[in-house]
Amino acid sequence: MACLIALGSGLFSTFSLIIACIVKTRERFMGIGQVLTMPIFFASNAIYPIDIMPSWLRTISLANPLTYQVDALRTLMLIGGQSKFGLAVDCSVLAAAFAVLVAIAARLYPRMTT
């Protein structure tokens, strides 16, 4: 479970790093971060099960890494918890999203520091 938490933390920290590389001030970073983070949270299965979402929101939720993070953590933390996608799928999606964000951050960061 610690590995899963570290992977999710790394994923969203890298997301924040990308935002920080793009904006110029701390105030903009905080504002843009909130504007992007809230839809990510509400478009995941953190509040509502995917099964009761409208089809358009379900599609967005399935493309959202937070959905897979929440699914995996619920599976591991709840007694009798069952994963909707399977832990292997959850971890694979998180790892793939993390790799993509690291690649984006690696391209942006050196450009911003020179």
Foldseek 3Di string as FASTA:
>chain_A
DVVLVVLVVLLVVLVLLLLVLVDDDPVVSVVVVVVVVVVLVVLAPPPPHLVPDDPVSNVVHVLRLVNLSVQLCQQVPDVVRDHPVDVVVNVVSSVVSSVVSVVSSVVRVVVSVD
